[in-house]
Amino acid sequence: MKRRIHFGSVLFPLLILCFSSCSAFYLPGLAPVSFCEEGKDIQLYVNRLDSVESVLPYEYDVFPFCKDDHEKRPTENLGQVLFGERIESSPYKENNNIKWASRWDYILVSMPHTNIQWFSIMNSLVIVLFLSGMVAMIMLRTLHKDIARYNQVDQEDAQEESGWKQVHGDVFRPPRKGMLLSVFLGQGTQIFIMTFITLFLACLGFLSPANRGALMTCAVVLWVLLGTPAGYVSARLYKTFGGEKWKTNVLLTALLCPGIVFADFFLMNLILWVEGSSAAIPFGTLVAILALWFGISVPLTFIGAYFGFKKPAIEQPVRTNQIPRQIPEQSFFTKPIPGIVMGGILPFGCIFIQLFFILNSIWSHQMYYMFGFLFLVFIILLITCSEATILLCYFHLCAEDYHWWWRSFLTSGFTAVYLFIYAVHYFFSKLQIIGAASTILYFGYTMIMVLIFFLFTGTIGFFACFWFVNKIYSVVKVD
């Protein structure tokens, strides 16, 4: 027996929300009802879809809707629409002048958050201009004077000077834990390319904000297909560090960071299964993700690592001494931990306003559509991480501390720690999450975001610093 569905009772709440600003209200499939005619007797309504007479148990005179007395629109209901008896055409007209990529612009203009977004952009640009001025001053004035002094004919006076040239024989000494650093940099390169392409496509309008899963689907597919750059970068840097355990390097690049993310994600999904939540991902989808990981991403990582190890090691501009140079006593601000902690403040200052809207989109069920702003902040973040790391690296080299490999990665990567602190603040100040399961879910997914952001920002800082160090030591004459 087919179950009969009463369209009036199903669509009534939805239509109240959609047409709450209308002056008169019409029930689908039933005769029209006015909300301002108080004292009117309750009438029988005939549903034209199933010919059932019913008395609606609603007191419409309590609704604050009033019908315009001067309005002379003919009435229609759902039955008339379905049976082809519409009296008038739809008042909505198609505007062919609006491009598909610009279809959300009217929402962007009308939203009150737009001014806050522009304030965020201006705040970030001020930070970028400040850092750019500092880097330009170092590159054009200080470095130029240093290079001129170091390259002078009288080398005797130059040898007595202290500065970054004095550590030229140790600056390219391979770092400790070079295996782990190369794995992080390979994964960071993969995440960087994935983020750039995803935001670029979203900015062009290919990823509709109405489809909340489109952005994540695009990111996962790109991550799977970008295993080759990860394997290549990791293998090439590991070979430059003088490593010989290439099999371990390839396996860690393909499995370490993705394995941590998948294990965290699986535990969060397990909690959703136990709680009986409809948001839990089906077991078949998890199997499909594993198939994409081991069937496509891991082989592509092996291919990239093969070409990376076939290439020669990156040639350094200066030779490395056999005996390490002793590092002099450092001041408080040139010690590793204070420098790392300070390095993440400026990049986080560029993104924290945008981060608020992203967290609202994830946890407060608000639609995020400002991909143009997000792409601009992404570019600003790249510049800020690079310049902040270069500045601190220069100061440490001037203090004759040549351990810059890990410090350059951790300086910009420390921005992720500030992201986690902000996420904790957001949890206690903006959300009202009750229950241990929901709290574990929030912080579990936050840790995935923090790990991805750590690898992403750390990779940016490392390669910016790597380019800077190679550049300044390639123009200095060394005996």
Protein backbone atom coordinates (compact mmCIF):
# COMPACT_ATOMS: atom_id res chain seq x y z
CA MET A 1 0.00 0.00 0.00
CA LYS A 2 1.38 3.41 -0.94
CA ARG A 3 1.78 5.87 1.85
CA ARG A 4 -0.11 9.13 1.28
CA ILE A 5 1.87 12.29 1.97
CA HIS A 6 0.04 15.49 2.87
CA PHE A 7 1.87 18.22 0.99
CA GLY A 8 0.35 20.99 3.03
CA SER A 9 1.74 19.68 6.33
CA VAL A 10 5.18 18.93 4.86
CA LEU A 11 5.84 22.18 3.00
CA PHE A 12 4.10 24.55 5.42
CA PRO A 13 7.13 25.27 7.72
CA LEU A 14 9.47 25.60 4.74
CA LEU A 15 7.25 28.09 2.94
CA ILE A 16 6.85 30.17 6.10
CA LEU A 17 10.63 30.66 6.13
CA CYS A 18 10.92 31.36 2.43
CA PHE A 19 8.03 33.81 2.08
CA SER A 20 7.95 35.39 5.53
CA SER A 21 8.22 38.86 4.00
CA CYS A 22 5.17 38.44 1.74
CA SER A 23 1.96 40.29 2.53
CA ALA A 24 -0.33 37.29 2.02
CA PHE A 25 0.35 33.59 2.41
CA TYR A 26 -0.92 30.71 0.26
CA LEU A 27 -0.88 27.11 1.37
CA PRO A 28 0.28 24.69 -1.32
CA GLY A 29 -2.56 22.59 -2.58
CA LEU A 30 -5.11 24.54 -0.51
CA ALA A 31 -7.13 27.71 -0.83
CA PRO A 32 -5.38 30.97 0.13
CA VAL A 33 -5.42 32.20 3.72
CA SER A 34 -5.05 35.79 4.89
CA PHE A 35 -3.41 36.56 8.23
CA CYS A 36 -5.03 39.91 8.99
CA GLU A 37 -8.69 39.05 8.83
CA GLU A 38 -9.34 38.50 12.51
CA GLY A 39 -12.49 36.76 13.64
CA LYS A 40 -13.00 34.94 10.38
CA ASP A 41 -14.66 31.53 10.73
CA ILE A 42 -12.55 28.45 10.12
CA GLN A 43 -13.34 27.00 6.69
CA LEU A 44 -12.90 23.64 5.10
CA TYR A 45 -10.00 23.43 2.69
CA VAL A 46 -9.91 20.99 -0.22
CA ASN A 47 -6.54 19.70 -1.25
CA ARG A 48 -6.56 19.39 -5.03
CA LEU A 49 -3.85 16.75 -5.02
CA ASP A 50 -5.78 14.10 -3.12
CA SER A 51 -9.31 15.66 -2.84
CA VAL A 52 -9.17 15.45 0.98
CA GLU A 53 -11.15 17.98 2.99
CA SER A 54 -9.35 19.21 6.11
CA VAL A 55 -9.54 21.84 8.80
CA LEU A 56 -6.13 23.32 9.48
CA PRO A 57 -5.45 23.63 13.22
CA TYR A 58 -3.56 26.92 12.94
CA GLU A 59 -4.59 30.33 14.21
CA TYR A 60 -3.27 32.58 11.49
CA ASP A 61 -4.38 35.82 13.12
CA VAL A 62 -1.40 35.58 15.53
CA PHE A 63 1.10 35.92 12.70
CA PRO A 64 2.36 39.49 12.13
CA PHE A 65 1.66 39.38 8.41
CA CYS A 66 -0.73 41.82 6.79
CA LYS A 67 -2.12 41.78 3.32
CA ASP A 68 -1.90 44.87 1.23
CA ASP A 69 -5.45 46.05 0.50
CA HIS A 70 -4.37 47.57 -2.80
CA GLU A 71 -2.78 44.39 -4.07
CA LYS A 72 -4.87 42.68 -6.75
CA ARG A 73 -2.84 39.56 -7.49
CA PRO A 74 -4.69 36.42 -8.57
CA THR A 75 -4.25 33.43 -6.31
CA GLU A 76 -2.72 30.08 -7.14
CA ASN A 77 -1.75 26.98 -5.22
CA LEU A 78 0.39 23.90 -5.70
CA GLY A 79 -2.39 21.96 -7.35
CA GLN A 80 -2.90 24.65 -9.98
CA VAL A 81 0.82 24.67 -10.68
CA LEU A 82 1.06 20.90 -11.07
CA PHE A 83 -2.07 20.66 -13.22
CA GLY A 84 -0.93 23.47 -15.54
CA GLU A 85 -3.49 26.03 -14.32
CA ARG A 86 -1.09 28.83 -13.32
CA ILE A 87 -2.84 32.16 -13.64
CA GLU A 88 0.23 34.39 -13.88
CA SER A 89 3.86 33.97 -14.87
CA SER A 90 6.67 33.93 -12.33
CA PRO A 91 7.81 37.37 -11.15
CA TYR A 92 11.46 36.24 -11.33
CA LYS A 93 13.32 37.10 -14.51
CA GLU A 94 16.58 35.63 -15.73
CA ASN A 95 19.42 38.13 -15.93
CA ASN A 96 21.78 37.09 -18.71
CA ASN A 97 24.20 39.93 -17.99
CA ILE A 98 25.58 38.22 -14.86
CA LYS A 99 28.45 35.82 -15.50
CA TRP A 100 28.47 32.41 -13.86
CA ALA A 101 31.64 33.17 -11.85
CA SER A 102 30.07 36.39 -10.52
CA ARG A 103 26.72 34.94 -9.45
CA TRP A 104 27.51 35.35 -5.73
CA ASP A 105 28.75 38.93 -5.95
CA TYR A 106 25.46 40.47 -4.90
CA ILE A 107 25.63 38.51 -1.66
CA LEU A 108 29.20 39.66 -1.12
CA VAL A 109 28.24 43.30 -1.56
CA SER A 110 25.22 43.08 0.73
CA MET A 111 26.92 41.24 3.61
CA PRO A 112 28.08 43.33 6.56
CA HIS A 113 31.28 41.27 6.91
CA THR A 114 32.75 42.78 3.75
CA ASN A 115 34.11 45.81 5.59
CA ILE A 116 35.78 43.53 8.13
CA GLN A 117 37.36 41.57 5.28
CA TRP A 118 38.80 44.72 3.74
CA PHE A 119 40.08 45.77 7.16
CA SER A 120 41.79 42.37 7.42
CA ILE A 121 43.37 42.81 3.98
CA MET A 122 44.63 46.30 4.83
CA ASN A 123 46.01 45.07 8.15
CA SER A 124 47.85 42.27 6.36
CA LEU A 125 49.20 44.62 3.70
CA VAL A 126 50.61 46.95 6.36
CA ILE A 127 52.49 44.00 7.90
CA VAL A 128 53.76 42.94 4.45
CA LEU A 129 54.94 46.47 3.64
CA PHE A 130 56.75 46.68 6.99
CA LEU A 131 58.50 43.35 6.44
CA SER A 132 59.28 44.18 2.81
CA GLY A 133 60.89 47.44 3.91
CA MET A 134 63.03 45.61 6.45
CA VAL A 135 64.10 42.96 3.95
CA ALA A 136 64.83 45.59 1.29
CA MET A 137 66.95 47.55 3.75
CA ILE A 138 68.93 44.42 4.63
CA MET A 139 69.36 43.30 1.03
CA LEU A 140 70.22 46.69 -0.49
CA ARG A 141 72.15 48.40 2.27
CA THR A 142 73.48 46.05 4.94
CA LEU A 143 74.25 43.10 2.68
CA HIS A 144 75.74 45.33 0.01
CA LYS A 145 78.09 46.89 2.55
CA ASP A 146 78.95 43.49 4.03
CA ILE A 147 79.74 41.98 0.63
CA ALA A 148 81.83 44.98 -0.37
CA ARG A 149 83.77 44.76 2.91
CA TYR A 150 84.27 41.00 2.72
CA ASN A 151 85.44 41.19 -0.89
CA GLN A 152 87.98 43.93 -0.27
CA VAL A 153 91.58 43.36 -1.23
CA ASP A 154 92.92 43.60 2.31
CA GLN A 155 91.62 40.32 3.70
CA GLU A 156 93.44 40.76 7.02
CA ASP A 157 91.01 43.33 8.37
CA ALA A 158 88.06 41.41 7.04
CA GLN A 159 89.04 38.30 8.94
CA GLU A 160 88.82 40.20 12.20
CA GLU A 161 85.26 41.23 11.50
CA SER A 162 82.42 39.22 12.95
CA GLY A 163 79.39 38.44 10.86
CA TRP A 164 77.70 36.00 8.59
CA LYS A 165 80.76 35.42 6.38
CA GLN A 166 82.65 33.88 9.27
CA VAL A 167 80.37 30.83 9.24
CA HIS A 168 80.69 30.17 5.49
CA GLY A 169 82.46 26.88 6.19
CA ASP A 170 79.62 25.58 8.36
CA VAL A 171 76.43 27.17 7.02
CA PHE A 172 75.73 24.25 4.69
CA ARG A 173 76.64 21.55 7.19
CA PRO A 174 73.86 18.90 7.01
CA PRO A 175 71.31 19.24 9.80
CA ARG A 176 70.51 16.69 12.46
CA LYS A 177 67.45 14.55 11.73
CA GLY A 178 67.81 15.35 8.03
CA MET A 179 65.56 12.40 7.17
CA LEU A 180 62.61 13.84 9.09
CA LEU A 181 63.18 17.35 7.74
CA SER A 182 63.23 16.14 4.13
CA VAL A 183 60.02 14.14 4.70
CA PHE A 184 58.27 17.20 6.16
CA LEU A 185 59.43 19.35 3.25
CA GLY A 186 58.19 16.83 0.69
CA GLN A 187 54.77 16.69 2.30
CA GLY A 188 54.72 20.47 2.69
CA THR A 189 55.41 20.92 -1.02
CA GLN A 190 52.51 18.60 -1.82
CA ILE A 191 50.18 20.57 0.48
CA PHE A 192 51.36 23.91 -0.90
CA ILE A 193 50.64 22.99 -4.54
CA MET A 194 47.31 21.42 -3.57
CA THR A 195 46.22 24.56 -1.65
CA PHE A 196 47.29 26.93 -4.41
CA ILE A 197 45.42 25.08 -7.17
CA THR A 198 42.30 24.59 -5.03
CA LEU A 199 42.06 28.26 -4.04
CA PHE A 200 42.81 29.38 -7.59
CA LEU A 201 39.97 27.24 -8.99
CA ALA A 202 37.62 28.44 -6.23
CA CYS A 203 38.59 32.04 -6.96
CA LEU A 204 37.71 31.55 -10.64
CA GLY A 205 34.28 30.20 -9.69
CA PHE A 206 34.75 26.53 -10.58
CA LEU A 207 33.95 25.39 -7.03
CA SER A 208 30.45 26.52 -6.09
CA PRO A 209 29.98 27.75 -2.50
CA ALA A 210 26.51 26.15 -2.59
CA ASN A 211 28.15 22.71 -2.76
CA ARG A 212 29.98 22.47 0.56
CA GLY A 213 31.77 19.27 -0.42
CA ALA A 214 33.22 20.55 -3.69
CA LEU A 215 36.21 22.27 -2.08
CA MET A 216 37.19 19.27 0.03
CA THR A 217 36.71 16.83 -2.85
CA CYS A 218 38.93 18.93 -5.11
CA ALA A 219 41.61 19.18 -2.39
CA VAL A 220 41.66 15.41 -1.75
CA VAL A 221 41.85 14.55 -5.46
CA LEU A 222 44.69 17.05 -5.99
CA TRP A 223 46.55 15.71 -2.96
CA VAL A 224 46.32 12.17 -4.34
CA LEU A 225 47.61 13.27 -7.75
CA LEU A 226 50.49 15.36 -6.35
CA GLY A 227 52.49 12.53 -4.82
CA THR A 228 55.25 12.94 -7.42
CA PRO A 229 56.40 16.44 -6.30
CA ALA A 230 56.43 15.25 -2.68
CA GLY A 231 58.66 12.27 -3.45
CA TYR A 232 60.96 14.32 -5.71
CA VAL A 233 61.55 17.17 -3.22
CA SER A 234 62.04 14.80 -0.28
CA ALA A 235 64.50 12.57 -2.14
CA ARG A 236 66.49 15.46 -3.64
CA LEU A 237 66.91 17.22 -0.29
CA TYR A 238 67.72 13.98 1.53
CA LYS A 239 70.44 13.29 -1.01
CA THR A 240 71.75 16.85 -0.51
CA PHE A 241 71.91 16.20 3.24
CA GLY A 242 74.11 13.19 2.52
CA GLY A 243 71.54 10.56 3.43
CA GLU A 244 71.83 7.01 2.12
CA LYS A 245 68.70 5.28 3.48
CA TRP A 246 66.62 6.11 0.43
CA LYS A 247 64.08 3.33 0.97
CA THR A 248 63.21 4.62 4.44
CA ASN A 249 62.96 8.14 3.05
CA VAL A 250 60.48 7.12 0.35
CA LEU A 251 58.31 5.10 2.73
CA LEU A 252 58.19 7.88 5.33
CA THR A 253 57.34 10.47 2.68
CA ALA A 254 54.45 8.37 1.41
CA LEU A 255 53.12 7.13 4.75
CA LEU A 256 54.13 9.27 7.76
CA CYS A 257 52.06 12.48 7.56
CA PRO A 258 49.13 10.97 5.59
CA GLY A 259 49.08 8.11 8.10
CA ILE A 260 48.82 10.51 11.05
CA VAL A 261 45.99 12.41 9.37
CA PHE A 262 44.12 9.21 8.42
CA ALA A 263 44.50 7.70 11.92
CA ASP A 264 43.13 10.89 13.50
CA PHE A 265 40.31 11.04 10.96
CA PHE A 266 39.44 7.37 11.51
CA LEU A 267 39.25 7.83 15.30
CA MET A 268 36.97 10.84 14.87
CA ASN A 269 34.78 8.85 12.50
CA LEU A 270 34.73 5.95 14.97
CA ILE A 271 33.34 8.29 17.62
CA LEU A 272 30.63 9.40 15.19
CA TRP A 273 29.76 5.75 14.52
CA VAL A 274 29.46 5.01 18.24
CA GLU A 275 27.28 8.08 18.76
CA GLY A 276 25.05 7.05 15.84
CA SER A 277 25.58 10.34 14.03
CA SER A 278 24.45 10.77 10.43
CA ALA A 279 27.66 12.73 9.79
CA ALA A 280 29.74 9.54 10.06
CA ILE A 281 31.44 8.59 6.81
CA PRO A 282 30.41 5.13 5.52
CA PHE A 283 32.93 2.33 5.72
CA GLY A 284 32.97 2.04 1.93
CA THR A 285 34.10 5.65 1.59
CA LEU A 286 37.01 5.02 3.98
CA VAL A 287 38.01 2.00 1.89
CA ALA A 288 37.87 4.19 -1.24
CA ILE A 289 40.13 6.78 0.42
CA LEU A 290 42.61 4.04 1.34
CA ALA A 291 42.50 2.75 -2.23
CA LEU A 292 43.27 6.24 -3.57
CA TRP A 293 46.10 6.60 -1.08
CA PHE A 294 47.82 3.26 -1.66
CA GLY A 295 46.76 2.79 -5.27
CA ILE A 296 47.61 6.24 -6.67
CA SER A 297 49.39 8.52 -4.19
CA VAL A 298 52.01 6.04 -2.92
CA PRO A 299 53.10 4.85 -6.42
CA LEU A 300 53.32 8.48 -7.59
CA THR A 301 55.50 9.26 -4.56
CA PHE A 302 57.81 6.37 -5.48
CA ILE A 303 58.08 7.70 -9.03
CA GLY A 304 58.94 11.19 -7.81
CA ALA A 305 61.52 9.81 -5.37
CA TYR A 306 63.11 7.76 -8.17
CA PHE A 307 63.69 10.86 -10.28
CA GLY A 308 64.82 12.81 -7.20
CA PHE A 309 67.53 10.28 -6.35
CA LYS A 310 68.64 10.06 -9.98
CA LYS A 311 69.36 13.81 -9.95
CA PRO A 312 72.68 14.99 -8.48
CA ALA A 313 72.67 16.61 -5.05
CA ILE A 314 72.08 20.35 -4.93
CA GLU A 315 75.44 22.05 -5.33
CA GLN A 316 76.37 24.43 -2.52
CA PRO A 317 78.15 27.74 -3.27
CA VAL A 318 80.81 27.20 -0.56
CA ARG A 319 82.68 24.21 0.82
CA THR A 320 81.94 22.79 4.27
CA ASN A 321 84.78 22.51 6.78
CA GLN A 322 85.56 19.17 8.33
CA ILE A 323 85.67 20.52 11.88
CA PRO A 324 82.53 22.35 13.07
CA ARG A 325 82.98 25.94 14.19
CA GLN A 326 82.17 26.76 17.81
CA ILE A 327 79.11 28.97 18.17
CA PRO A 328 79.71 32.00 20.42
CA GLU A 329 77.50 32.92 23.37
CA GLN A 330 74.11 34.10 22.12
CA SER A 331 71.92 36.87 23.46
CA PHE A 332 68.35 36.16 24.52
CA PHE A 333 66.78 37.25 21.22
CA THR A 334 69.19 35.27 19.04
CA LYS A 335 68.62 32.02 20.89
CA PRO A 336 66.57 29.43 18.98
CA ILE A 337 63.34 29.31 21.02
CA PRO A 338 62.67 33.09 21.32
CA GLY A 339 63.34 33.52 17.61
CA ILE A 340 61.00 30.68 16.69
CA VAL A 341 58.24 32.01 18.96
CA MET A 342 58.54 35.54 17.56
CA GLY A 343 58.65 34.31 13.96
CA GLY A 344 55.07 33.05 13.90
CA ILE A 345 53.42 36.20 15.24
CA LEU A 346 53.44 38.31 12.06
CA PRO A 347 52.16 35.57 9.70
CA PHE A 348 49.36 34.78 12.14
CA GLY A 349 48.48 38.47 12.34
CA CYS A 350 47.78 38.38 8.61
CA ILE A 351 45.29 35.52 8.77
CA PHE A 352 43.52 35.60 12.12
CA ILE A 353 40.50 37.62 10.89
CA GLN A 354 40.05 35.33 7.89
CA LEU A 355 40.47 32.38 10.24
CA PHE A 356 37.42 33.51 12.20
CA PHE A 357 35.18 33.23 9.12
CA ILE A 358 36.66 29.86 8.17
CA LEU A 359 35.96 28.45 11.64
CA ASN A 360 32.44 29.88 11.46
CA SER A 361 31.95 28.08 8.16
CA ILE A 362 33.14 24.77 9.61
CA TRP A 363 31.54 24.80 13.06
CA SER A 364 28.68 27.32 12.88
CA HIS A 365 27.18 26.10 9.58
CA GLN A 366 27.70 29.39 7.78
CA MET A 367 28.36 29.44 4.06
CA TYR A 368 31.86 30.55 3.08
CA TYR A 369 31.94 32.21 -0.33
CA MET A 370 34.75 34.82 -0.11
CA PHE A 371 37.39 32.83 -2.00
CA GLY A 372 38.79 35.98 -3.60
CA PHE A 373 39.63 37.36 -0.17
CA LEU A 374 41.00 33.98 0.89
CA PHE A 375 43.28 33.72 -2.16
CA LEU A 376 44.60 37.23 -1.51
CA VAL A 377 45.29 36.37 2.13
CA PHE A 378 47.01 33.18 0.93
CA ILE A 379 49.43 35.24 -1.20
CA ILE A 380 50.02 37.65 1.70
CA LEU A 381 50.74 34.69 3.99
CA LEU A 382 53.36 33.39 1.55
CA ILE A 383 55.14 36.74 1.46
CA THR A 384 54.95 37.26 5.23
CA CYS A 385 56.28 33.80 6.12
CA SER A 386 59.13 34.18 3.65
CA GLU A 387 60.19 37.65 4.77
CA ALA A 388 59.89 36.98 8.51
CA THR A 389 62.03 33.83 8.19
CA ILE A 390 64.65 35.59 6.05
CA LEU A 391 64.93 38.43 8.58
CA LEU A 392 65.43 36.13 11.56
CA CYS A 393 67.82 33.92 9.59
CA TYR A 394 69.98 36.93 8.75
CA PHE A 395 70.10 38.03 12.39
CA HIS A 396 71.14 34.55 13.52
CA LEU A 397 73.84 34.27 10.87
CA CYS A 398 75.20 37.65 11.92
CA ALA A 399 75.41 36.24 15.45
CA GLU A 400 77.47 33.38 13.92
CA ASP A 401 74.83 30.74 14.60
CA TYR A 402 74.79 28.57 11.48
CA HIS A 403 72.08 26.09 12.56
CA TRP A 404 69.44 27.51 10.24
CA TRP A 405 67.97 24.40 8.58
CA TRP A 406 65.48 23.36 11.25
CA ARG A 407 65.11 26.90 12.61
CA SER A 408 63.89 28.24 9.26
CA PHE A 409 61.27 25.47 9.10
CA LEU A 410 60.10 25.92 12.69
CA THR A 411 60.08 29.74 12.61
CA SER A 412 57.29 30.03 10.06
CA GLY A 413 55.79 26.69 11.09
CA PHE A 414 55.21 28.06 14.60
CA THR A 415 52.30 29.98 13.10
CA ALA A 416 50.36 26.70 13.43
CA VAL A 417 50.79 26.86 17.22
CA TYR A 418 49.12 30.27 17.25
CA LEU A 419 46.37 28.79 15.08
CA PHE A 420 45.78 26.09 17.68
CA ILE A 421 45.68 28.67 20.51
CA TYR A 422 43.11 30.68 18.54
CA ALA A 423 41.05 27.52 17.93
CA VAL A 424 41.01 26.88 21.70
CA HIS A 425 39.90 30.48 22.29
CA TYR A 426 37.18 30.07 19.63
CA PHE A 427 35.96 26.87 21.29
CA PHE A 428 35.45 28.46 24.70
CA SER A 429 34.24 31.90 23.58
CA LYS A 430 32.08 31.27 20.49
CA LEU A 431 30.83 27.69 20.67
CA GLN A 432 28.55 26.01 23.16
CA ILE A 433 29.64 22.42 22.68
CA ILE A 434 28.51 20.05 25.44
CA GLY A 435 29.67 16.48 25.84
CA ALA A 436 32.99 14.67 25.73
CA ALA A 437 32.41 13.21 22.26
CA SER A 438 31.76 16.60 20.64
CA THR A 439 34.78 18.13 22.39
CA ILE A 440 37.03 15.30 21.19
CA LEU A 441 35.71 15.74 17.65
CA TYR A 442 36.42 19.46 17.68
CA PHE A 443 39.99 19.14 18.88
CA GLY A 444 40.63 16.06 16.75
CA TYR A 445 39.72 17.84 13.53
CA THR A 446 41.57 20.95 14.75
CA MET A 447 44.77 18.92 15.15
CA ILE A 448 44.48 17.81 11.52
CA MET A 449 44.21 21.45 10.46
CA VAL A 450 47.16 22.42 12.65
CA LEU A 451 49.40 19.65 11.25
CA ILE A 452 48.60 20.56 7.64
CA PHE A 453 49.15 24.25 8.34
CA PHE A 454 52.43 23.49 10.14
CA LEU A 455 53.82 21.59 7.15
CA PHE A 456 52.55 24.25 4.74
CA THR A 457 54.00 27.32 6.50
CA GLY A 458 57.20 25.54 7.53
CA THR A 459 57.92 24.59 3.92
CA ILE A 460 57.41 28.19 2.76
CA GLY A 461 59.86 29.51 5.36
CA PHE A 462 62.47 26.85 4.66
CA PHE A 463 62.65 27.36 0.90
CA ALA A 464 62.67 31.15 1.26
CA CYS A 465 65.57 30.86 3.69
CA PHE A 466 67.31 28.27 1.52
CA TRP A 467 67.20 30.64 -1.44
CA PHE A 468 68.43 33.57 0.70
CA VAL A 469 71.41 31.69 2.16
CA ASN A 470 72.46 30.33 -1.23
CA LYS A 471 72.19 33.81 -2.72
CA ILE A 472 74.29 35.69 -0.17
CA TYR A 473 77.07 33.08 0.03
CA SER A 474 77.32 32.75 -3.75
CA VAL A 475 78.44 36.40 -4.13
CA VAL A 476 81.14 36.33 -1.43
CA LYS A 477 84.76 35.56 -2.27
CA VAL A 478 86.01 32.71 -0.12
CA ASP A 479 89.62 31.61 0.03
